[in-house]
Amino acid sequence: MEFEAGQRLLAFLRELQAVKVADSTWGFGGPEWEAVVDVVPHRWLALAFEALDPVTGKRATYDIDTDLYDLTRDDQRGFAEEIERDIIEFLDNLKRGAVLRGNHGKKFVLVFPLDGAYVRVVQGRFAGSASTYPDLATALAGGDYVPLSRPHPRA
């Protein structure tokens, strides 16, 4: 079967019971986070994720998207598959409770597994930065973390 950008992601969103909020946009969340996924098959795949520290009110964001790549081109197929796989893996980690939130000093931090490593997102004053670590212990160093709440359909 030929790869069609977005089809596996759409199937996973149905499994998660994400709510369609616009023509090509789905949403769902938990008490301290929200995920918005855009799927325009053959053209655009995107995840916009925002988490909230319920104590300090600080926010951290993480985005994955196909950028300006033309997904209709055969030479972009591998990139589209990789982005779709990463979005699904991130959403599955949310579903399983594997995305952690915490604080390192005054910074709000997210830590989660992705593609065989661990990503640590640190929210700065204006933007966040993501770093990759080979193991969970290293990614969690210097912080105090708890799992994010599991997803529920968006109202």
N, C-alpha and C. Protein backbone atom coordinates (compact mmCIF):
# COMPACT_ATOMS: atom_id res chain seq x y z
N MET A 1 0.83 -1.18 0.00
CA MET A 1 0.00 0.00 0.00
C MET A 1 0.88 1.25 0.00
N GLU A 2 0.55 2.19 -0.84
CA GLU A 2 1.33 3.41 -0.98
C GLU A 2 1.07 4.35 0.19
N PHE A 3 2.11 5.02 0.66
CA PHE A 3 1.98 5.97 1.76
C PHE A 3 1.17 7.18 1.32
N GLU A 4 0.22 7.57 2.13
CA GLU A 4 -0.57 8.77 1.88
C GLU A 4 -0.49 9.62 3.15
N ALA A 5 0.24 10.73 3.06
CA ALA A 5 0.47 11.58 4.22
C ALA A 5 -0.82 11.92 4.93
N GLY A 6 -0.87 11.65 6.22
CA GLY A 6 -1.99 12.02 7.05
C GLY A 6 -2.98 10.92 7.37
N GLN A 7 -3.00 9.84 6.61
CA GLN A 7 -4.01 8.81 6.82
C GLN A 7 -3.84 8.06 8.14
N ARG A 8 -2.61 7.70 8.48
CA ARG A 8 -2.38 7.02 9.77
C ARG A 8 -2.67 7.97 10.94
N LEU A 9 -2.33 9.24 10.77
CA LEU A 9 -2.59 10.23 11.82
C LEU A 9 -4.09 10.42 12.02
N LEU A 10 -4.85 10.48 10.94
CA LEU A 10 -6.31 10.60 11.07
C LEU A 10 -6.89 9.40 11.81
N ALA A 11 -6.41 8.21 11.49
CA ALA A 11 -6.90 7.01 12.17
C ALA A 11 -6.58 7.06 13.67
N PHE A 12 -5.37 7.54 14.02
CA PHE A 12 -4.98 7.63 15.42
C PHE A 12 -5.81 8.69 16.15
N LEU A 13 -6.11 9.80 15.50
CA LEU A 13 -6.94 10.82 16.11
C LEU A 13 -8.34 10.29 16.41
N ARG A 14 -8.88 9.47 15.52
CA ARG A 14 -10.18 8.84 15.78
C ARG A 14 -10.08 7.92 17.00
N GLU A 15 -8.99 7.17 17.09
CA GLU A 15 -8.78 6.28 18.24
C GLU A 15 -8.72 7.06 19.55
N LEU A 16 -8.10 8.24 19.51
CA LEU A 16 -7.99 9.09 20.70
C LEU A 16 -9.30 9.83 21.01
N GLN A 17 -10.25 9.73 20.12
CA GLN A 17 -11.53 10.44 20.22
C GLN A 17 -11.32 11.95 20.22
N ALA A 18 -10.36 12.40 19.42
CA ALA A 18 -10.15 13.84 19.25
C ALA A 18 -11.38 14.41 18.56
N VAL A 19 -11.69 15.66 18.87
CA VAL A 19 -12.86 16.32 18.32
C VAL A 19 -12.44 17.20 17.14
N LYS A 20 -13.16 17.07 16.05
CA LYS A 20 -12.88 17.91 14.88
C LYS A 20 -13.42 19.31 15.18
N VAL A 21 -12.52 20.30 15.22
CA VAL A 21 -12.91 21.66 15.59
C VAL A 21 -12.97 22.60 14.39
N ALA A 22 -12.45 22.18 13.26
CA ALA A 22 -12.50 22.94 12.01
C ALA A 22 -12.32 21.95 10.87
N ASP A 23 -12.31 22.45 9.66
CA ASP A 23 -12.26 21.59 8.48
C ASP A 23 -11.15 20.55 8.53
N SER A 24 -9.96 20.94 8.93
CA SER A 24 -8.83 20.00 8.96
C SER A 24 -8.11 20.01 10.31
N THR A 25 -8.82 20.40 11.36
CA THR A 25 -8.21 20.57 12.68
C THR A 25 -8.94 19.75 13.73
N TRP A 26 -8.17 19.05 14.55
CA TRP A 26 -8.70 18.23 15.65
C TRP A 26 -8.08 18.72 16.94
N GLY A 27 -8.81 18.57 18.04
CA GLY A 27 -8.29 19.00 19.32
C GLY A 27 -8.69 18.05 20.44
N PHE A 28 -7.89 18.03 21.46
CA PHE A 28 -8.18 17.31 22.69
C PHE A 28 -7.20 17.79 23.74
N GLY A 29 -7.45 17.42 24.99
CA GLY A 29 -6.57 17.91 26.03
C GLY A 29 -6.81 17.26 27.37
N GLY A 30 -6.17 17.85 28.35
CA GLY A 30 -6.29 17.45 29.73
C GLY A 30 -6.39 18.72 30.56
N PRO A 31 -6.49 18.59 31.87
CA PRO A 31 -6.63 19.79 32.70
C PRO A 31 -5.47 20.79 32.57
N GLU A 32 -4.27 20.29 32.26
CA GLU A 32 -3.13 21.21 32.20
C GLU A 32 -2.45 21.25 30.83
N TRP A 33 -3.15 20.82 29.79
CA TRP A 33 -2.55 20.87 28.46
C TRP A 33 -3.62 20.81 27.38
N GLU A 34 -3.19 21.20 26.16
CA GLU A 34 -4.06 21.14 24.99
C GLU A 34 -3.23 20.80 23.77
N ALA A 35 -3.79 19.93 22.93
CA ALA A 35 -3.14 19.57 21.67
C ALA A 35 -4.09 19.91 20.53
N VAL A 36 -3.53 20.52 19.50
CA VAL A 36 -4.28 20.82 18.28
C VAL A 36 -3.49 20.21 17.13
N VAL A 37 -4.19 19.39 16.34
CA VAL A 37 -3.55 18.69 15.23
C VAL A 37 -4.23 19.11 13.93
N ASP A 38 -3.41 19.50 12.95
CA ASP A 38 -3.91 19.83 11.61
C ASP A 38 -3.49 18.73 10.67
N VAL A 39 -4.45 18.24 9.89
CA VAL A 39 -4.16 17.20 8.90
C VAL A 39 -4.83 17.61 7.59
N VAL A 40 -4.01 17.97 6.63
CA VAL A 40 -4.48 18.22 5.27
C VAL A 40 -3.71 17.21 4.42
N PRO A 41 -4.32 16.03 4.15
CA PRO A 41 -3.59 14.97 3.44
C PRO A 41 -2.89 15.48 2.19
N HIS A 42 -1.70 15.00 2.00
CA HIS A 42 -0.83 15.35 0.87
C HIS A 42 -0.26 16.76 0.94
N ARG A 43 -0.64 17.57 1.97
CA ARG A 43 -0.18 18.95 1.98
C ARG A 43 0.46 19.38 3.29
N TRP A 44 -0.15 19.07 4.44
CA TRP A 44 0.30 19.67 5.69
C TRP A 44 -0.07 18.77 6.86
N LEU A 45 0.88 18.53 7.75
CA LEU A 45 0.65 17.82 9.00
C LEU A 45 1.28 18.66 10.11
N ALA A 46 0.53 18.86 11.20
CA ALA A 46 1.08 19.70 12.27
C ALA A 46 0.47 19.35 13.62
N LEU A 47 1.30 19.48 14.64
CA LEU A 47 0.87 19.36 16.03
C LEU A 47 1.32 20.62 16.75
N ALA A 48 0.39 21.27 17.45
CA ALA A 48 0.72 22.38 18.34
C ALA A 48 0.29 21.94 19.73
N PHE A 49 1.25 21.87 20.64
CA PHE A 49 1.00 21.38 21.98
C PHE A 49 1.39 22.45 22.98
N GLU A 50 0.52 22.65 23.98
CA GLU A 50 0.82 23.62 25.03
C GLU A 50 0.47 23.00 26.38
N ALA A 51 1.40 23.09 27.30
CA ALA A 51 1.19 22.59 28.66
C ALA A 51 1.28 23.75 29.64
N LEU A 52 0.56 23.62 30.74
CA LEU A 52 0.50 24.66 31.76
C LEU A 52 0.96 24.09 33.10
N ASP A 53 1.81 24.84 33.77
CA ASP A 53 2.18 24.49 35.15
C ASP A 53 1.05 25.00 36.04
N PRO A 54 0.27 24.09 36.66
CA PRO A 54 -0.88 24.53 37.43
C PRO A 54 -0.53 25.34 38.68
N VAL A 55 0.72 25.28 39.12
CA VAL A 55 1.13 26.01 40.31
C VAL A 55 1.58 27.43 39.96
N THR A 56 2.47 27.53 38.96
CA THR A 56 3.04 28.84 38.62
C THR A 56 2.30 29.55 37.50
N GLY A 57 1.52 28.81 36.72
CA GLY A 57 0.84 29.40 35.56
C GLY A 57 1.74 29.53 34.34
N LYS A 58 2.99 29.07 34.43
CA LYS A 58 3.89 29.13 33.28
C LYS A 58 3.46 28.12 32.24
N ARG A 59 3.79 28.41 30.98
CA ARG A 59 3.42 27.55 29.87
C ARG A 59 4.66 27.09 29.12
N ALA A 60 4.53 25.91 28.49
CA ALA A 60 5.58 25.39 27.60
C ALA A 60 4.88 24.89 26.35
N THR A 61 5.52 25.10 25.22
CA THR A 61 4.94 24.67 23.95
C THR A 61 5.89 23.76 23.21
N TYR A 62 5.30 22.89 22.39
CA TYR A 62 6.08 22.00 21.53
C TYR A 62 5.30 21.84 20.23
N ASP A 63 5.97 22.03 19.12
CA ASP A 63 5.34 21.95 17.81
C ASP A 63 6.10 20.99 16.90
N ILE A 64 5.35 20.26 16.10
CA ILE A 64 5.93 19.39 15.07
C ILE A 64 5.11 19.66 13.81
N ASP A 65 5.76 19.92 12.68
CA ASP A 65 5.00 20.09 11.45
C ASP A 65 5.86 19.81 10.22
N THR A 66 5.19 19.72 9.10
CA THR A 66 5.88 19.42 7.84
C THR A 66 6.43 20.68 7.18
N ASP A 67 6.33 21.81 7.85
CA ASP A 67 6.92 23.06 7.40
C ASP A 67 6.42 23.40 6.00
N LEU A 68 7.31 23.80 5.14
CA LEU A 68 6.91 24.20 3.79
C LEU A 68 7.19 23.13 2.74
N TYR A 69 7.46 21.91 3.19
CA TYR A 69 7.74 20.83 2.25
C TYR A 69 6.50 20.49 1.44
N ASP A 70 6.70 20.21 0.17
CA ASP A 70 5.61 19.83 -0.73
C ASP A 70 5.39 18.32 -0.61
N LEU A 71 4.38 17.92 0.14
CA LEU A 71 4.15 16.50 0.42
C LEU A 71 3.60 15.75 -0.78
N THR A 72 3.28 16.46 -1.85
CA THR A 72 2.82 15.77 -3.06
C THR A 72 4.00 15.21 -3.86
N ARG A 73 5.21 15.65 -3.54
CA ARG A 73 6.40 15.19 -4.27
C ARG A 73 6.91 13.89 -3.68
N ASP A 74 7.24 12.95 -4.54
CA ASP A 74 7.76 11.66 -4.10
C ASP A 74 9.04 11.79 -3.27
N ASP A 75 9.89 12.76 -3.60
CA ASP A 75 11.15 12.89 -2.87
C ASP A 75 10.95 13.46 -1.46
N GLN A 76 9.74 13.88 -1.11
CA GLN A 76 9.44 14.36 0.24
C GLN A 76 8.70 13.31 1.07
N ARG A 77 8.43 12.16 0.49
CA ARG A 77 7.66 11.11 1.16
C ARG A 77 8.30 10.69 2.49
N GLY A 78 9.60 10.48 2.49
CA GLY A 78 10.29 10.06 3.72
C GLY A 78 10.15 11.08 4.83
N PHE A 79 10.27 12.35 4.48
CA PHE A 79 10.11 13.42 5.48
C PHE A 79 8.69 13.41 6.04
N ALA A 80 7.70 13.30 5.17
CA ALA A 80 6.30 13.28 5.61
C ALA A 80 6.04 12.08 6.52
N GLU A 81 6.57 10.92 6.17
CA GLU A 81 6.40 9.72 7.02
C GLU A 81 7.02 9.94 8.39
N GLU A 82 8.19 10.56 8.43
CA GLU A 82 8.89 10.80 9.69
C GLU A 82 8.09 11.76 10.58
N ILE A 83 7.58 12.83 10.02
CA ILE A 83 6.80 13.80 10.80
C ILE A 83 5.52 13.16 11.30
N GLU A 84 4.83 12.41 10.44
CA GLU A 84 3.61 11.74 10.85
C GLU A 84 3.88 10.75 11.98
N ARG A 85 4.95 10.00 11.86
CA ARG A 85 5.34 9.03 12.89
C ARG A 85 5.65 9.75 14.21
N ASP A 86 6.36 10.88 14.14
CA ASP A 86 6.70 11.63 15.36
C ASP A 86 5.45 12.19 16.04
N ILE A 87 4.51 12.71 15.26
CA ILE A 87 3.27 13.24 15.85
C ILE A 87 2.49 12.12 16.52
N ILE A 88 2.35 10.99 15.85
CA ILE A 88 1.64 9.85 16.42
C ILE A 88 2.34 9.36 17.69
N GLU A 89 3.66 9.28 17.66
CA GLU A 89 4.39 8.83 18.85
C GLU A 89 4.19 9.79 20.01
N PHE A 90 4.25 11.09 19.74
CA PHE A 90 4.04 12.07 20.80
C PHE A 90 2.64 11.92 21.39
N LEU A 91 1.62 11.82 20.53
CA LEU A 91 0.24 11.68 21.00
C LEU A 91 0.05 10.37 21.78
N ASP A 92 0.70 9.31 21.32
CA ASP A 92 0.62 8.05 22.05
C ASP A 92 1.27 8.17 23.43
N ASN A 93 2.38 8.91 23.51
CA ASN A 93 3.01 9.15 24.81
C ASN A 93 2.08 9.92 25.75
N LEU A 94 1.32 10.86 25.21
CA LEU A 94 0.32 11.55 26.03
C LEU A 94 -0.72 10.56 26.53
N LYS A 95 -1.20 9.73 25.64
CA LYS A 95 -2.22 8.73 25.97
C LYS A 95 -1.74 7.80 27.08
N ARG A 96 -0.46 7.42 27.03
CA ARG A 96 0.10 6.47 28.01
C ARG A 96 0.57 7.15 29.30
N GLY A 97 0.55 8.47 29.34
CA GLY A 97 1.02 9.18 30.53
C GLY A 97 2.53 9.30 30.60
N ALA A 98 3.20 9.22 29.45
CA ALA A 98 4.67 9.25 29.41
C ALA A 98 5.24 10.65 29.20
N VAL A 99 4.38 11.67 29.05
CA VAL A 99 4.87 13.04 28.94
C VAL A 99 4.87 13.62 30.35
N LEU A 100 6.03 14.10 30.76
CA LEU A 100 6.21 14.61 32.12
C LEU A 100 6.32 16.13 32.10
N ARG A 101 5.84 16.75 33.17
CA ARG A 101 6.01 18.18 33.35
C ARG A 101 6.71 18.42 34.67
N GLY A 102 7.47 19.50 34.71
CA GLY A 102 8.16 19.80 35.95
C GLY A 102 8.85 21.14 35.89
N ASN A 103 9.66 21.39 36.89
CA ASN A 103 10.39 22.65 36.98
C ASN A 103 11.85 22.37 37.23
N HIS A 104 12.67 23.16 36.59
CA HIS A 104 14.10 23.14 36.81
C HIS A 104 14.46 24.58 37.12
N GLY A 105 14.67 24.85 38.39
CA GLY A 105 14.83 26.24 38.80
C GLY A 105 13.53 26.98 38.57
N LYS A 106 13.60 28.10 37.87
CA LYS A 106 12.40 28.88 37.58
C LYS A 106 11.78 28.53 36.23
N LYS A 107 12.36 27.56 35.54
CA LYS A 107 11.89 27.19 34.19
C LYS A 107 10.88 26.05 34.26
N PHE A 108 9.84 26.17 33.44
CA PHE A 108 8.86 25.09 33.27
C PHE A 108 9.39 24.17 32.18
N VAL A 109 9.36 22.85 32.43
CA VAL A 109 10.02 21.89 31.54
C VAL A 109 9.07 20.73 31.23
N LEU A 110 9.14 20.25 29.98
CA LEU A 110 8.46 19.03 29.55
C LEU A 110 9.52 18.02 29.17
N VAL A 111 9.29 16.74 29.48
CA VAL A 111 10.20 15.66 29.09
C VAL A 111 9.35 14.51 28.56
N PHE A 112 9.77 13.97 27.41
CA PHE A 112 9.02 12.86 26.81
C PHE A 112 9.92 12.05 25.88
N PRO A 113 9.58 10.76 25.71
CA PRO A 113 10.34 9.94 24.77
C PRO A 113 9.91 10.27 23.34
N LEU A 114 10.86 10.20 22.41
CA LEU A 114 10.56 10.39 20.99
C LEU A 114 11.69 9.82 20.16
N ASP A 115 11.34 8.90 19.30
CA ASP A 115 12.28 8.34 18.32
C ASP A 115 13.54 7.76 18.97
N GLY A 116 13.37 7.00 20.05
CA GLY A 116 14.49 6.32 20.69
C GLY A 116 15.32 7.16 21.62
N ALA A 117 14.91 8.39 21.88
CA ALA A 117 15.64 9.27 22.79
C ALA A 117 14.62 9.98 23.69
N TYR A 118 15.09 10.93 24.47
CA TYR A 118 14.20 11.72 25.32
C TYR A 118 14.37 13.19 24.99
N VAL A 119 13.26 13.86 24.81
CA VAL A 119 13.27 15.29 24.48
C VAL A 119 12.93 16.06 25.75
N ARG A 120 13.70 17.12 25.96
CA ARG A 120 13.47 18.02 27.10
C ARG A 120 13.19 19.40 26.51
N VAL A 121 11.98 19.90 26.75
CA VAL A 121 11.57 21.21 26.26
C VAL A 121 11.59 22.17 27.44
N VAL A 122 12.38 23.22 27.32
CA VAL A 122 12.48 24.23 28.37
C VAL A 122 11.92 25.53 27.80
N GLN A 123 10.93 26.05 28.50
CA GLN A 123 10.32 27.29 28.05
C GLN A 123 11.14 28.47 28.53
N GLY A 124 11.60 29.27 27.60
CA GLY A 124 12.33 30.49 27.94
C GLY A 124 11.37 31.65 28.08
N ARG A 125 11.92 32.83 28.15
CA ARG A 125 11.09 34.03 28.33
C ARG A 125 10.13 34.23 27.17
N PHE A 126 10.60 34.03 25.93
CA PHE A 126 9.76 34.25 24.76
C PHE A 126 9.52 33.00 23.93
N ALA A 127 10.43 32.06 23.98
CA ALA A 127 10.31 30.85 23.16
C ALA A 127 10.89 29.66 23.93
N GLY A 128 10.53 28.49 23.47
CA GLY A 128 11.04 27.27 24.08
C GLY A 128 12.19 26.71 23.28
N SER A 129 12.97 25.86 23.92
CA SER A 129 14.04 25.15 23.21
C SER A 129 13.93 23.68 23.56
N ALA A 130 14.26 22.85 22.59
CA ALA A 130 14.19 21.40 22.79
C ALA A 130 15.58 20.81 22.64
N SER A 131 15.93 19.93 23.58
CA SER A 131 17.20 19.21 23.54
C SER A 131 16.90 17.73 23.62
N THR A 132 17.76 16.92 23.02
CA THR A 132 17.58 15.47 23.01
C THR A 132 18.62 14.82 23.89
N TYR A 133 18.19 13.80 24.67
CA TYR A 133 19.06 13.08 25.58
C TYR A 133 18.93 11.59 25.34
N PRO A 134 20.00 10.83 25.58
CA PRO A 134 19.95 9.39 25.28
C PRO A 134 19.15 8.56 26.28
N ASP A 135 18.94 9.10 27.49
CA ASP A 135 18.21 8.32 28.49
C ASP A 135 17.37 9.24 29.36
N LEU A 136 16.38 8.66 30.02
CA LEU A 136 15.44 9.42 30.82
C LEU A 136 16.12 10.11 32.00
N ALA A 137 17.01 9.42 32.69
CA ALA A 137 17.66 10.00 33.87
C ALA A 137 18.39 11.30 33.53
N THR A 138 19.08 11.32 32.40
CA THR A 138 19.80 12.53 31.98
C THR A 138 18.82 13.64 31.63
N ALA A 139 17.74 13.30 30.95
CA ALA A 139 16.74 14.31 30.57
C ALA A 139 16.06 14.92 31.79
N LEU A 140 15.92 14.14 32.87
CA LEU A 140 15.25 14.61 34.07
C LEU A 140 16.18 15.30 35.07
N ALA A 141 17.48 15.27 34.82
CA ALA A 141 18.46 15.79 35.78
C ALA A 141 18.14 17.22 36.20
N GLY A 142 18.18 17.44 37.51
CA GLY A 142 18.02 18.78 38.05
C GLY A 142 16.59 19.26 38.18
N GLY A 143 15.64 18.38 37.95
CA GLY A 143 14.24 18.83 38.03
C GLY A 143 13.38 17.90 38.86
N ASP A 144 12.14 18.30 39.01
CA ASP A 144 11.14 17.54 39.76
C ASP A 144 9.95 17.38 38.81
N TYR A 145 9.57 16.15 38.47
CA TYR A 145 8.60 15.91 37.40
C TYR A 145 7.45 15.01 37.82
N VAL A 146 6.30 15.24 37.20
CA VAL A 146 5.12 14.39 37.35
C VAL A 146 4.51 14.21 35.96
N PRO A 147 3.77 13.13 35.74
CA PRO A 147 3.13 12.93 34.43
C PRO A 147 2.02 13.96 34.19
N LEU A 148 1.89 14.37 32.94
CA LEU A 148 0.73 15.17 32.55
C LEU A 148 -0.51 14.29 32.64
N SER A 149 -1.65 14.90 32.81
CA SER A 149 -2.90 14.15 32.84
C SER A 149 -3.12 13.49 31.48
N ARG A 150 -3.87 12.42 31.47
CA ARG A 150 -4.16 11.72 30.22
C ARG A 150 -5.21 12.47 29.43
N PRO A 151 -5.26 12.22 28.10
CA PRO A 151 -6.18 12.98 27.25
C PRO A 151 -7.66 12.69 27.51
N HIS A 152 -8.44 13.70 27.19
CA HIS A 152 -9.90 13.51 27.14
C HIS A 152 -10.38 14.31 25.94
N PRO A 153 -11.49 13.93 25.33
CA PRO A 153 -11.98 14.67 24.16
C PRO A 153 -12.24 16.13 24.51
N ARG A 154 -11.98 16.97 23.55
CA ARG A 154 -12.17 18.41 23.74
C ARG A 154 -13.65 18.73 23.66
N ALA A 155 -14.10 19.59 24.54
CA ALA A 155 -15.52 19.96 24.56
C ALA A 155 -15.83 20.98 23.47
